[in-house]
Amino acid sequence: MSQGLYERLKLVIEKDLRIFRDDRIRAIKWQLLREILFMIVIPAFLVVLAYIFGGMIASLITSGLAAINFADRLQKGYTILKSYHSDIEAIKKWYDAWVISLKSIELNDEEKLKCLQDELLESMKRIREETRKS
């Protein structure tokens, strides 16, 4: 084999080896990038999505629980307000009944007036005790 032919064959083989080497390196890099993509980037993206959707779901759950709590407080407040107004009405009726009883007694009838005063004090004492219990 002549020296020139040998050199040309050597150059062709080197060129083919260089092309093969570059192709293999490029293929290995792409394989590495795919592995990194599947091992790091996609899971990280999914974690971020989970946090976003988890935050949205947590916000919705928190809002729902707050609405339930608000409705419960509103119902309790309405019950307390209704009880308050009924107690006020009962005290007004009680007061009106005592005023009518007081007006029905004549000024010079001290015995009835004293009896009415005792009943009134007893009734007021009972109402105070009931109020303290509740």
N, C-alpha and C. Protein backbone atom coordinates (compact mmCIF):
# COMPACT_ATOMS: atom_id res chain seq x y z
N MET A 1 0.84 -1.15 0.00
CA MET A 1 0.00 0.00 0.00
C MET A 1 0.90 1.23 0.00
N SER A 2 0.55 2.20 -0.83
CA SER A 2 1.38 3.39 -0.94
C SER A 2 1.12 4.32 0.23
N GLN A 3 2.10 5.16 0.43
CA GLN A 3 2.04 6.07 1.57
C GLN A 3 0.87 7.04 1.42
N GLY A 4 0.60 7.56 0.27
CA GLY A 4 -0.49 8.52 0.03
C GLY A 4 -1.85 7.88 0.26
N LEU A 5 -1.99 6.64 -0.25
CA LEU A 5 -3.26 5.93 -0.06
C LEU A 5 -3.48 5.64 1.42
N TYR A 6 -2.39 5.26 2.09
CA TYR A 6 -2.48 4.98 3.52
C TYR A 6 -2.89 6.24 4.28
N GLU A 7 -2.33 7.39 3.92
CA GLU A 7 -2.66 8.65 4.60
C GLU A 7 -4.12 9.02 4.36
N ARG A 8 -4.60 8.84 3.11
CA ARG A 8 -5.99 9.16 2.80
C ARG A 8 -6.93 8.24 3.55
N LEU A 9 -6.59 6.96 3.60
CA LEU A 9 -7.41 6.00 4.34
C LEU A 9 -7.42 6.34 5.82
N LYS A 10 -6.26 6.74 6.32
CA LYS A 10 -6.17 7.14 7.72
C LYS A 10 -7.06 8.36 7.98
N LEU A 11 -7.02 9.36 7.08
CA LEU A 11 -7.86 10.56 7.24
C LEU A 11 -9.35 10.22 7.18
N VAL A 12 -9.73 9.33 6.26
CA VAL A 12 -11.14 8.92 6.15
C VAL A 12 -11.57 8.21 7.43
N ILE A 13 -10.73 7.32 7.94
CA ILE A 13 -11.07 6.60 9.18
C ILE A 13 -11.15 7.58 10.35
N GLU A 14 -10.18 8.52 10.42
CA GLU A 14 -10.23 9.52 11.49
C GLU A 14 -11.49 10.37 11.40
N LYS A 15 -11.85 10.77 10.17
CA LYS A 15 -13.05 11.58 9.97
C LYS A 15 -14.28 10.79 10.39
N ASP A 16 -14.36 9.51 9.96
CA ASP A 16 -15.50 8.67 10.36
C ASP A 16 -15.55 8.49 11.87
N LEU A 17 -14.36 8.27 12.48
CA LEU A 17 -14.31 8.13 13.93
C LEU A 17 -14.75 9.42 14.63
N ARG A 18 -14.30 10.59 14.11
CA ARG A 18 -14.67 11.87 14.69
C ARG A 18 -16.19 12.08 14.57
N ILE A 19 -16.75 11.78 13.40
CA ILE A 19 -18.20 11.92 13.21
C ILE A 19 -18.94 10.98 14.15
N PHE A 20 -18.45 9.72 14.22
CA PHE A 20 -19.09 8.75 15.13
C PHE A 20 -18.99 9.23 16.57
N ARG A 21 -17.77 9.71 16.95
CA ARG A 21 -17.58 10.21 18.31
C ARG A 21 -18.52 11.39 18.60
N ASP A 22 -18.60 12.35 17.68
CA ASP A 22 -19.47 13.52 17.88
C ASP A 22 -20.94 13.12 17.96
N ASP A 23 -21.33 12.18 17.09
CA ASP A 23 -22.72 11.69 17.14
C ASP A 23 -23.02 11.01 18.47
N ARG A 24 -22.09 10.18 18.93
CA ARG A 24 -22.28 9.47 20.21
C ARG A 24 -22.33 10.46 21.37
N ILE A 25 -21.43 11.47 21.35
CA ILE A 25 -21.44 12.48 22.42
C ILE A 25 -22.76 13.25 22.41
N ARG A 26 -23.22 13.64 21.20
CA ARG A 26 -24.49 14.35 21.08
C ARG A 26 -25.64 13.47 21.57
N ALA A 27 -25.63 12.19 21.23
CA ALA A 27 -26.69 11.27 21.67
C ALA A 27 -26.66 11.10 23.19
N ILE A 28 -25.46 11.00 23.75
CA ILE A 28 -25.34 10.86 25.20
C ILE A 28 -25.82 12.14 25.90
N LYS A 29 -25.50 13.32 25.32
CA LYS A 29 -25.97 14.58 25.91
C LYS A 29 -27.50 14.65 25.90
N TRP A 30 -28.10 14.27 24.75
CA TRP A 30 -29.56 14.30 24.68
C TRP A 30 -30.19 13.30 25.64
N GLN A 31 -29.55 12.15 25.78
CA GLN A 31 -30.05 11.16 26.74
C GLN A 31 -29.95 11.72 28.16
N LEU A 32 -28.83 12.38 28.46
CA LEU A 32 -28.67 13.01 29.77
C LEU A 32 -29.73 14.09 30.00
N LEU A 33 -29.97 14.91 28.99
CA LEU A 33 -30.99 15.96 29.11
C LEU A 33 -32.38 15.36 29.32
N ARG A 34 -32.68 14.28 28.60
CA ARG A 34 -33.97 13.60 28.80
C ARG A 34 -34.09 13.05 30.22
N GLU A 35 -33.00 12.44 30.69
CA GLU A 35 -33.00 11.89 32.06
C GLU A 35 -33.21 13.01 33.08
N ILE A 36 -32.50 14.12 32.89
CA ILE A 36 -32.66 15.26 33.80
C ILE A 36 -34.09 15.79 33.73
N LEU A 37 -34.61 15.87 32.51
CA LEU A 37 -35.98 16.34 32.34
C LEU A 37 -36.96 15.46 33.09
N PHE A 38 -36.82 14.15 32.95
CA PHE A 38 -37.74 13.23 33.62
C PHE A 38 -37.50 13.14 35.12
N MET A 39 -36.24 13.32 35.54
CA MET A 39 -35.93 13.16 36.96
C MET A 39 -36.10 14.46 37.76
N ILE A 40 -35.87 15.62 37.14
CA ILE A 40 -35.86 16.87 37.91
C ILE A 40 -36.92 17.86 37.44
N VAL A 41 -36.94 18.19 36.16
CA VAL A 41 -37.78 19.27 35.67
C VAL A 41 -39.26 18.92 35.76
N ILE A 42 -39.66 17.77 35.24
CA ILE A 42 -41.07 17.40 35.26
C ILE A 42 -41.58 17.23 36.69
N PRO A 43 -40.88 16.52 37.59
CA PRO A 43 -41.36 16.45 38.97
C PRO A 43 -41.42 17.83 39.65
N ALA A 44 -40.43 18.69 39.38
CA ALA A 44 -40.46 20.03 39.97
C ALA A 44 -41.66 20.81 39.46
N PHE A 45 -41.94 20.71 38.17
CA PHE A 45 -43.11 21.37 37.59
C PHE A 45 -44.40 20.83 38.21
N LEU A 46 -44.47 19.51 38.37
CA LEU A 46 -45.66 18.92 38.99
C LEU A 46 -45.81 19.34 40.45
N VAL A 47 -44.69 19.48 41.15
CA VAL A 47 -44.75 19.95 42.54
C VAL A 47 -45.28 21.38 42.60
N VAL A 48 -44.79 22.22 41.69
CA VAL A 48 -45.28 23.61 41.64
C VAL A 48 -46.77 23.63 41.33
N LEU A 49 -47.20 22.82 40.37
CA LEU A 49 -48.63 22.74 40.07
C LEU A 49 -49.42 22.25 41.27
N ALA A 50 -48.87 21.27 41.97
CA ALA A 50 -49.57 20.75 43.16
C ALA A 50 -49.69 21.83 44.22
N TYR A 51 -48.62 22.61 44.41
CA TYR A 51 -48.71 23.71 45.38
C TYR A 51 -49.75 24.73 44.97
N ILE A 52 -49.78 25.06 43.67
CA ILE A 52 -50.76 26.04 43.19
C ILE A 52 -52.17 25.51 43.40
N PHE A 53 -52.41 24.27 42.92
CA PHE A 53 -53.76 23.72 43.07
C PHE A 53 -54.06 23.41 44.53
N GLY A 54 -53.04 23.00 45.28
CA GLY A 54 -53.24 22.77 46.71
C GLY A 54 -53.61 24.05 47.42
N GLY A 55 -52.96 25.14 47.03
CA GLY A 55 -53.30 26.44 47.60
C GLY A 55 -54.71 26.85 47.24
N MET A 56 -55.10 26.59 45.99
CA MET A 56 -56.47 26.93 45.58
C MET A 56 -57.46 26.08 46.36
N ILE A 57 -57.19 24.80 46.48
CA ILE A 57 -58.10 23.92 47.20
C ILE A 57 -58.14 24.30 48.67
N ALA A 58 -56.98 24.61 49.23
CA ALA A 58 -56.94 25.03 50.64
C ALA A 58 -57.72 26.33 50.82
N SER A 59 -57.59 27.24 49.86
CA SER A 59 -58.35 28.49 49.94
C SER A 59 -59.84 28.22 49.86
N LEU A 60 -60.23 27.33 48.97
CA LEU A 60 -61.65 27.00 48.85
C LEU A 60 -62.17 26.33 50.12
N ILE A 61 -61.39 25.42 50.67
CA ILE A 61 -61.80 24.74 51.90
C ILE A 61 -61.89 25.75 53.04
N THR A 62 -60.89 26.63 53.14
CA THR A 62 -60.90 27.65 54.19
C THR A 62 -62.09 28.57 54.03
N SER A 63 -62.37 28.98 52.79
CA SER A 63 -63.53 29.84 52.54
C SER A 63 -64.83 29.13 52.90
N GLY A 64 -64.91 27.85 52.56
CA GLY A 64 -66.11 27.07 52.90
C GLY A 64 -66.30 26.96 54.40
N LEU A 65 -65.21 26.65 55.10
CA LEU A 65 -65.30 26.56 56.57
C LEU A 65 -65.64 27.91 57.19
N ALA A 66 -65.08 28.99 56.63
CA ALA A 66 -65.41 30.32 57.14
C ALA A 66 -66.88 30.64 56.91
N ALA A 67 -67.41 30.24 55.75
CA ALA A 67 -68.83 30.48 55.47
C ALA A 67 -69.71 29.68 56.42
N ILE A 68 -69.32 28.43 56.68
CA ILE A 68 -70.10 27.61 57.62
C ILE A 68 -70.05 28.22 59.01
N ASN A 69 -68.86 28.66 59.44
CA ASN A 69 -68.71 29.29 60.75
C ASN A 69 -69.52 30.58 60.82
N PHE A 70 -69.48 31.37 59.73
CA PHE A 70 -70.25 32.62 59.70
C PHE A 70 -71.75 32.33 59.80
N ALA A 71 -72.22 31.33 59.06
CA ALA A 71 -73.64 30.98 59.12
C ALA A 71 -74.03 30.51 60.52
N ASP A 72 -73.15 29.73 61.15
CA ASP A 72 -73.42 29.26 62.51
C ASP A 72 -73.47 30.43 63.48
N ARG A 73 -72.51 31.34 63.37
CA ARG A 73 -72.49 32.53 64.24
C ARG A 73 -73.72 33.40 64.00
N LEU A 74 -74.10 33.52 62.74
CA LEU A 74 -75.27 34.32 62.40
C LEU A 74 -76.53 33.71 63.00
N GLN A 75 -76.63 32.38 62.94
CA GLN A 75 -77.79 31.70 63.51
C GLN A 75 -77.80 31.87 65.03
N LYS A 76 -76.64 31.71 65.67
CA LYS A 76 -76.57 31.90 67.12
C LYS A 76 -76.89 33.34 67.49
N GLY A 77 -76.37 34.28 66.71
CA GLY A 77 -76.65 35.70 66.96
C GLY A 77 -78.13 35.99 66.81
N TYR A 78 -78.75 35.40 65.79
CA TYR A 78 -80.19 35.60 65.60
C TYR A 78 -80.97 35.03 66.78
N THR A 79 -80.55 33.85 67.24
CA THR A 79 -81.22 33.24 68.40
C THR A 79 -81.06 34.11 69.63
N ILE A 80 -79.85 34.63 69.85
CA ILE A 80 -79.62 35.50 71.01
C ILE A 80 -80.43 36.78 70.88
N LEU A 81 -80.45 37.36 69.68
CA LEU A 81 -81.21 38.58 69.46
C LEU A 81 -82.70 38.35 69.67
N LYS A 82 -83.19 37.22 69.18
CA LYS A 82 -84.60 36.88 69.35
C LYS A 82 -84.92 36.68 70.84
N SER A 83 -84.03 36.01 71.54
CA SER A 83 -84.21 35.80 72.98
C SER A 83 -84.18 37.14 73.71
N TYR A 84 -83.27 38.00 73.32
CA TYR A 84 -83.16 39.33 73.93
C TYR A 84 -84.46 40.11 73.76
N HIS A 85 -84.97 40.13 72.52
CA HIS A 85 -86.20 40.88 72.27
C HIS A 85 -87.40 40.27 73.00
N SER A 86 -87.44 38.94 73.07
CA SER A 86 -88.56 38.32 73.79
C SER A 86 -88.45 38.61 75.29
N ASP A 87 -87.21 38.64 75.82
CA ASP A 87 -87.03 39.00 77.23
C ASP A 87 -87.44 40.45 77.48
N ILE A 88 -87.07 41.33 76.57
CA ILE A 88 -87.46 42.74 76.70
C ILE A 88 -88.97 42.88 76.66
N GLU A 89 -89.61 42.16 75.73
CA GLU A 89 -91.08 42.21 75.64
C GLU A 89 -91.72 41.67 76.92
N ALA A 90 -91.16 40.59 77.46
CA ALA A 90 -91.71 40.03 78.70
C ALA A 90 -91.58 41.02 79.85
N ILE A 91 -90.42 41.70 79.93
CA ILE A 91 -90.24 42.69 81.00
C ILE A 91 -91.18 43.87 80.80
N LYS A 92 -91.39 44.29 79.55
CA LYS A 92 -92.33 45.39 79.30
C LYS A 92 -93.75 45.00 79.69
N LYS A 93 -94.16 43.79 79.35
CA LYS A 93 -95.50 43.32 79.74
C LYS A 93 -95.61 43.23 81.26
N TRP A 94 -94.56 42.72 81.88
CA TRP A 94 -94.53 42.62 83.35
C TRP A 94 -94.66 44.01 83.96
N TYR A 95 -93.91 44.97 83.43
CA TYR A 95 -93.96 46.34 83.93
C TYR A 95 -95.35 46.94 83.73
N ASP A 96 -95.91 46.76 82.53
CA ASP A 96 -97.25 47.31 82.27
C ASP A 96 -98.29 46.71 83.20
N ALA A 97 -98.17 45.39 83.46
CA ALA A 97 -99.13 44.75 84.38
C ALA A 97 -99.00 45.34 85.78
N TRP A 98 -97.79 45.58 86.24
CA TRP A 98 -97.61 46.15 87.57
C TRP A 98 -98.07 47.60 87.62
N VAL A 99 -97.87 48.34 86.55
CA VAL A 99 -98.35 49.74 86.52
C VAL A 99 -99.87 49.76 86.58
N ILE A 100 -100.51 48.86 85.84
CA ILE A 100 -101.98 48.79 85.87
C ILE A 100 -102.45 48.42 87.27
N SER A 101 -101.77 47.44 87.89
CA SER A 101 -102.14 47.06 89.26
C SER A 101 -101.95 48.22 90.23
N LEU A 102 -100.88 48.95 90.04
CA LEU A 102 -100.59 50.09 90.91
C LEU A 102 -101.62 51.21 90.73
N LYS A 103 -102.02 51.43 89.49
CA LYS A 103 -103.00 52.49 89.22
C LYS A 103 -104.39 52.10 89.71
N SER A 104 -104.64 50.81 89.79
CA SER A 104 -105.97 50.37 90.24
C SER A 104 -106.16 50.53 91.75
N ILE A 105 -105.07 50.67 92.48
CA ILE A 105 -105.16 50.83 93.94
C ILE A 105 -105.40 52.30 94.25
N GLU A 106 -106.28 52.53 95.15
CA GLU A 106 -106.56 53.90 95.57
C GLU A 106 -105.44 54.39 96.48
N LEU A 107 -105.22 55.67 96.51
CA LEU A 107 -104.11 56.26 97.24
C LEU A 107 -104.20 56.04 98.75
N ASN A 108 -105.39 55.97 99.31
CA ASN A 108 -105.51 55.84 100.76
C ASN A 108 -105.54 54.39 101.23
N ASP A 109 -105.47 53.40 100.33
CA ASP A 109 -105.50 51.98 100.70
C ASP A 109 -104.07 51.50 100.92
N GLU A 110 -103.54 51.76 102.11
CA GLU A 110 -102.14 51.45 102.41
C GLU A 110 -101.89 49.95 102.51
N GLU A 111 -102.87 49.20 102.97
CA GLU A 111 -102.69 47.75 103.11
C GLU A 111 -102.47 47.08 101.76
N LYS A 112 -103.30 47.44 100.79
CA LYS A 112 -103.13 46.88 99.43
C LYS A 112 -101.82 47.36 98.81
N LEU A 113 -101.49 48.60 99.08
CA LEU A 113 -100.25 49.16 98.54
C LEU A 113 -99.03 48.43 99.11
N LYS A 114 -99.05 48.14 100.41
CA LYS A 114 -97.97 47.39 101.06
C LYS A 114 -97.88 45.97 100.50
N CYS A 115 -99.02 45.33 100.32
CA CYS A 115 -99.08 43.96 99.76
C CYS A 115 -98.52 43.96 98.33
N LEU A 116 -98.93 44.96 97.55
CA LEU A 116 -98.45 45.07 96.17
C LEU A 116 -96.94 45.31 96.15
N GLN A 117 -96.45 46.12 97.07
CA GLN A 117 -95.02 46.39 97.15
C GLN A 117 -94.25 45.11 97.47
N ASP A 118 -94.75 44.31 98.40
CA ASP A 118 -94.09 43.04 98.73
C ASP A 118 -94.07 42.09 97.54
N GLU A 119 -95.21 41.99 96.84
CA GLU A 119 -95.28 41.13 95.65
C GLU A 119 -94.32 41.62 94.57
N LEU A 120 -94.26 42.94 94.42
CA LEU A 120 -93.37 43.52 93.42
C LEU A 120 -91.90 43.22 93.74
N LEU A 121 -91.51 43.39 94.99
CA LEU A 121 -90.14 43.09 95.40
C LEU A 121 -89.81 41.61 95.20
N GLU A 122 -90.76 40.73 95.55
CA GLU A 122 -90.57 39.28 95.36
C GLU A 122 -90.44 38.95 93.87
N SER A 123 -91.28 39.58 93.06
CA SER A 123 -91.23 39.34 91.62
C SER A 123 -89.92 39.84 91.02
N MET A 124 -89.45 41.01 91.46
CA MET A 124 -88.18 41.55 90.96
C MET A 124 -87.01 40.65 91.36
N LYS A 125 -87.06 40.13 92.58
CA LYS A 125 -86.02 39.23 93.06
C LYS A 125 -85.98 37.95 92.22
N ARG A 126 -87.15 37.42 91.89
CA ARG A 126 -87.24 36.21 91.07
C ARG A 126 -86.69 36.47 89.66
N ILE A 127 -87.02 37.61 89.09
CA ILE A 127 -86.54 37.95 87.74
C ILE A 127 -85.02 38.10 87.74
N ARG A 128 -84.47 38.73 88.77
CA ARG A 128 -83.00 38.88 88.86
C ARG A 128 -82.31 37.52 88.93
N GLU A 129 -82.88 36.60 89.71
CA GLU A 129 -82.30 35.26 89.82
C GLU A 129 -82.36 34.52 88.49
N GLU A 130 -83.48 34.65 87.79
CA GLU A 130 -83.62 34.00 86.48
C GLU A 130 -82.62 34.59 85.48
N THR A 131 -82.41 35.90 85.57
CA THR A 131 -81.47 36.55 84.66
C THR A 131 -80.04 36.10 84.94
N ARG A 132 -79.69 35.94 86.19
CA ARG A 132 -78.34 35.49 86.55
C ARG A 132 -78.09 34.06 86.11
N LYS A 133 -79.12 33.21 86.17
CA LYS A 133 -78.97 31.81 85.76
C LYS A 133 -78.71 31.71 84.26
N SER A 134 -79.34 32.55 83.49
CA SER A 134 -79.17 32.47 82.03
C SER A 134 -78.13 33.43 81.56
